[in-house]
Every structure is written in C-alpha cells, then in structure tokens.
Amino acid sequence: MEYIVWGGDPNIFSIGGVTVRWYGVMFAFAFWIGMQITEKIFKKEGKKVTDVEYLFVYVMVGTIIGARLGHCLFYDPVYYLSNPLKIFAVWEGGLASHGGAIGLITGVYLFCRKYKYDFIWLVDKMVMPSIIAGAFIRIGNFFNSEIVGIPTNQPWGIIFTKIDMLPRHPTQLYESFSYFILFGITVWIYQKYYDKLKAGFLFGFYLVSIFSVRFMLEFFKLKQANYDNDFGISTGQFLSIPFIILGVYMMFFYKYRDV
C-alpha cells in the first residue's frame, strides 16, 4: 500500500536572519480572519466596530501567553519549573490549546472591563472566530509535522518523514476538518437564532463541541505530556473534561444576570 509522504519544509523563506514559517503565517491568518468575522458581528449588532482592533490585541496576547503557559505547566512542568527561562523560548515551539482557551477568555474579560462590554455577550460572539482560528492553526501544525497521530494501516495514513517512516493518523488534519465543520454549524445557529439564543449558549456549545473533539482525537494522537497521570486517560483528555462540564452548564443551566 502506498501512503502519502510528508516531509515539507516548515519554513517559507528567510531574509536577513528572519525566517517566515508556515505555522506563523497560519497563526497570523487565523487572527486576521477572526477580526473580519468579529467586525461583521459587531456591525450586525450595532456595536462600535473600531473596538475590534483593541479586542484582538487583548485576545492575541491572552491566547499566546495562555497557550505557552499551558504547554509548560500542563505537559512538561518538571522541565520548565527547573528551567524557568525556557518558558520564554517560544521560538522552540510548544503551545497548548487548553491554555490558549483560558488565555483567550481572560483576554476577553480584561477587554470587557476596560471597554465596558458585557462579558457573556462577547464570549458568545468570540466563538466563531475562535473555531475558525483553531482550524487554520492546526494546518500550521501539519506543516510543522507536529501533534502527529499513532501509526495506522489505513489508506489515508501519512508518513511524516521528520518523525519516522511509519504511516500515522494525520490528527492535525482530523482536528482542522472537524473545526471547519463546527464553524459552519455555529455560523448557522447564530444566523438563524441569534436574536433568540439565551446568553451563554453559543459559548457553551463551543466548549462542549471543541473539547469533545479534542477528547476523541486524543485516542489517535501520540502522547504529548512528558509524564503519566493516574486517570487512565491522556493529559489532553483530562484537561478537556472541565471545559465540557462548563459548556454543558452554560448551555442548559446558566441563568444570565444583567449587571
């Protein structure tokens, strides 16, 4: 059986010692398209569109810091606590989506405090740009040959030559494709019911759907944490459970209070 072989260069080009990488381009594009979507939402709901630029500064900083700290503390705490300066070595790689989600939510909260927006209203609206951003970022992971899956004999297995010569589940593409589908579903829900949805529902749907996908795909991923836990599931699955529980609460039990 012939498998797809992937050993592409993660770098696009270098100029004067500065290297432009596919992952960085995908990351930047993810935030750019997120801004376009958020501007359309703000315009649709009569909000100040110029505030979106400030919002995305908070979101970008929060997401990057959260994702980096999440990787360091969730997946390899012994190493990074022993070498704290390595936490700042972002160029060496290592961002965790669970930490990124926490950082994003924190950034939105801080923005709401400063610019006097309703927090629940805004996190509901940030769901769509967040999902589509995740889809593009996972494509960047594919270019980097990272977050690869376990070996498989399925015909769609991919040989990542930077890892080894075994065909593996392309879990980055599984996740990206899932996010594109969830993005379409979320946009449909918003467009059809945006004036009828209870506050917090979209945010809850985002947490349940995204982290359920993460939980299921962890069965096909290589182990990412440099330690074993006692729960019989991966670290990524364990971290997904609180987000799913919070999502169920926001969808079905949360009572909005206008403060």
Foldseek 3Di string as FASTA:
>chain_A
DDEAEDAADQWDDDDPNDTHGLLVVLLVVLLVVLLVQLLVVCVVVVHDNVCSVVLSVLLVVLLQLQQLVCQCCLFPVVVCVVVVVCSPVCVVPGGHVLRSVVSNLVSLVVSCVVVVDDSLVVLLSSLLSVLLSLLSSLVSCVSVVPQWWDADPDRHFYQHVVVPRGGAHSLSNVLSVQSVVVSVVLVVCCVVQVVPADRQQSNLVSLQSNLVSQLVSQVTTDQRHPDDDDPPGGSSNVSSVVSNVVSVCSNPPDDDDDD
